[in-house]
Amino acid sequence: MEDPWYDADHQVRRVRWNGMIKWRGEEIFIGEALAGELIGLAEHESGGHITRFCHRDLGVIDRDCRFLRFAPLVRGSASLRKRQ
């Protein structure tokens, strides 16, 4: 499979075997499932960077170099019960 292509406004990193990338001098865990894959990072108005694989947004790396994953609501979670 070919590497994904990202727009010019993205910085690109290859995920290491252990799921980590190097970002601004820090090691950040993205996920072992993406080992060997290229991910794109696009600056967000918040000052963080949206992290993408292909056309899927994975999460955001905030100003403190923490990766905050976008995750769907888990069935039975408190936040899901509040919405019902």
C-alpha atoms as a PDB file:
ATOM      1  CA  MET A   1       0.000   0.000   0.000  1.00  0.00           C
ATOM      2  CA  GLU A   2       1.267   3.486  -0.806  1.00  0.00           C
ATOM      3  CA  ASP A   3       1.884   6.079   1.884  1.00  0.00           C
ATOM      4  CA  PRO A   4      -0.989   8.529   2.365  1.00  0.00           C
ATOM      5  CA  TRP A   5      -0.648  12.017   0.917  1.00  0.00           C
ATOM      6  CA  TYR A   6      -1.150  15.124   3.046  1.00  0.00           C
ATOM      7  CA  ASP A   7      -1.735  18.746   2.048  1.00  0.00           C
ATOM      8  CA  ALA A   8       1.156  21.208   2.154  1.00  0.00           C
ATOM      9  CA  ASP A   9      -0.153  22.701   5.429  1.00  0.00           C
ATOM     10  CA  HIS A  10       0.535  19.386   7.220  1.00  0.00           C
ATOM     11  CA  GLN A  11       3.745  18.293   8.857  1.00  0.00           C
ATOM     12  CA  VAL A  12       4.330  14.589   8.354  1.00  0.00           C
ATOM     13  CA  ARG A  13       5.739  12.046  10.785  1.00  0.00           C
ATOM     14  CA  ARG A  14       6.226   8.278  10.514  1.00  0.00           C
ATOM     15  CA  VAL A  15       4.935   6.358  13.526  1.00  0.00           C
ATOM     16  CA  ARG A  16       7.676   4.229  15.056  1.00  0.00           C
ATOM     17  CA  TRP A  17       7.376   0.502  15.846  1.00  0.00           C
ATOM     18  CA  ASN A  18       6.323   1.356  19.404  1.00  0.00           C
ATOM     19  CA  GLY A  19       3.539   3.751  18.371  1.00  0.00           C
ATOM     20  CA  MET A  20       5.549   6.895  19.139  1.00  0.00           C
ATOM     21  CA  ILE A  21       6.390   9.940  17.045  1.00  0.00           C
ATOM     22  CA  LYS A  22       8.930  12.664  17.704  1.00  0.00           C
ATOM     23  CA  TRP A  23       7.245  16.085  17.930  1.00  0.00           C
ATOM     24  CA  ARG A  24       8.996  19.282  18.958  1.00  0.00           C
ATOM     25  CA  GLY A  25      11.675  17.362  20.826  1.00  0.00           C
ATOM     26  CA  GLU A  26       9.179  15.158  22.673  1.00  0.00           C
ATOM     27  CA  GLU A  27       8.191  11.509  22.209  1.00  0.00           C
ATOM     28  CA  ILE A  28       4.406  11.230  21.887  1.00  0.00           C
ATOM     29  CA  PHE A  29       2.420   7.991  21.852  1.00  0.00           C
ATOM     30  CA  ILE A  30      -0.040   7.876  18.943  1.00  0.00           C
ATOM     31  CA  GLY A  31      -0.779   4.152  18.761  1.00  0.00           C
ATOM     32  CA  GLU A  32       0.948   0.887  17.925  1.00  0.00           C
ATOM     33  CA  ALA A  33      -1.695   0.085  15.311  1.00  0.00           C
ATOM     34  CA  LEU A  34      -0.188   2.862  13.161  1.00  0.00           C
ATOM     35  CA  ALA A  35       3.416   1.625  13.440  1.00  0.00           C
ATOM     36  CA  GLY A  36       5.233   2.315  10.171  1.00  0.00           C
ATOM     37  CA  GLU A  37       2.501   4.619   8.837  1.00  0.00           C
ATOM     38  CA  LEU A  38       2.755   8.302   7.938  1.00  0.00           C
ATOM     39  CA  ILE A  39       0.487  10.651   9.859  1.00  0.00           C
ATOM     40  CA  GLY A  40      -0.211  14.304   9.136  1.00  0.00           C
ATOM     41  CA  LEU A  41      -0.279  17.115  11.676  1.00  0.00           C
ATOM     42  CA  ALA A  42      -2.125  20.330  10.845  1.00  0.00           C
ATOM     43  CA  GLU A  43      -2.055  23.427  13.021  1.00  0.00           C
ATOM     44  CA  HIS A  44      -5.351  24.241  14.728  1.00  0.00           C
ATOM     45  CA  GLU A  45      -6.600  27.661  15.820  1.00  0.00           C
ATOM     46  CA  SER A  46      -6.237  26.535  19.462  1.00  0.00           C
ATOM     47  CA  GLY A  47      -2.471  26.361  19.008  1.00  0.00           C
ATOM     48  CA  GLY A  48      -2.482  22.574  18.988  1.00  0.00           C
ATOM     49  CA  HIS A  49      -2.137  20.267  15.998  1.00  0.00           C
ATOM     50  CA  ILE A  50      -4.832  17.985  14.615  1.00  0.00           C
ATOM     51  CA  THR A  51      -3.367  14.523  14.045  1.00  0.00           C
ATOM     52  CA  ARG A  52      -4.643  12.646  10.980  1.00  0.00           C
ATOM     53  CA  PHE A  53      -4.196   9.292   9.314  1.00  0.00           C
ATOM     54  CA  CYS A  54      -5.389   9.423   5.723  1.00  0.00           C
ATOM     55  CA  HIS A  55      -8.656  11.387   6.021  1.00  0.00           C
ATOM     56  CA  ARG A  56      -9.456  10.415   9.615  1.00  0.00           C
ATOM     57  CA  ASP A  57      -8.820  12.813  12.485  1.00  0.00           C
ATOM     58  CA  LEU A  58      -7.240  10.844  15.335  1.00  0.00           C
ATOM     59  CA  GLY A  59      -6.859  13.535  17.967  1.00  0.00           C
ATOM     60  CA  VAL A  60      -4.986  16.686  18.817  1.00  0.00           C
ATOM     61  CA  ILE A  61      -1.525  17.327  20.192  1.00  0.00           C
ATOM     62  CA  ASP A  62      -1.960  20.252  22.552  1.00  0.00           C
ATOM     63  CA  ARG A  63       0.541  23.005  23.365  1.00  0.00           C
ATOM     64  CA  ASP A  64       1.970  20.873  26.178  1.00  0.00           C
ATOM     65  CA  CYS A  65       2.712  18.038  23.694  1.00  0.00           C
ATOM     66  CA  ARG A  66      -0.041  15.790  25.069  1.00  0.00           C
ATOM     67  CA  PHE A  67      -1.941  13.652  22.563  1.00  0.00           C
ATOM     68  CA  LEU A  68      -5.665  13.841  23.237  1.00  0.00           C
ATOM     69  CA  ARG A  69      -7.437  11.140  21.249  1.00  0.00           C
ATOM     70  CA  PHE A  70     -10.799  11.751  19.606  1.00  0.00           C
ATOM     71  CA  ALA A  71     -12.867   8.764  20.685  1.00  0.00           C
ATOM     72  CA  PRO A  72     -16.467   7.774  20.081  1.00  0.00           C
ATOM     73  CA  LEU A  73     -18.744   7.490  23.075  1.00  0.00           C
ATOM     74  CA  VAL A  74     -18.601   4.054  24.670  1.00  0.00           C
ATOM     75  CA  ARG A  75     -21.917   2.269  24.971  1.00  0.00           C
ATOM     76  CA  GLY A  76     -23.120   2.493  28.564  1.00  0.00           C
ATOM     77  CA  SER A  77     -20.846   5.405  29.484  1.00  0.00           C
ATOM     78  CA  ALA A  78     -22.125   8.173  31.737  1.00  0.00           C
ATOM     79  CA  SER A  79     -21.867  10.784  28.986  1.00  0.00           C
ATOM     80  CA  LEU A  80     -23.996   8.629  26.674  1.00  0.00           C
ATOM     81  CA  ARG A  81     -26.664   8.149  29.369  1.00  0.00           C
ATOM     82  CA  LYS A  82     -26.871  11.928  29.878  1.00  0.00           C
ATOM     83  CA  ARG A  83     -27.639  12.423  26.183  1.00  0.00           C
ATOM     84  CA  GLN A  84     -30.556   9.957  26.170  1.00  0.00           C
END
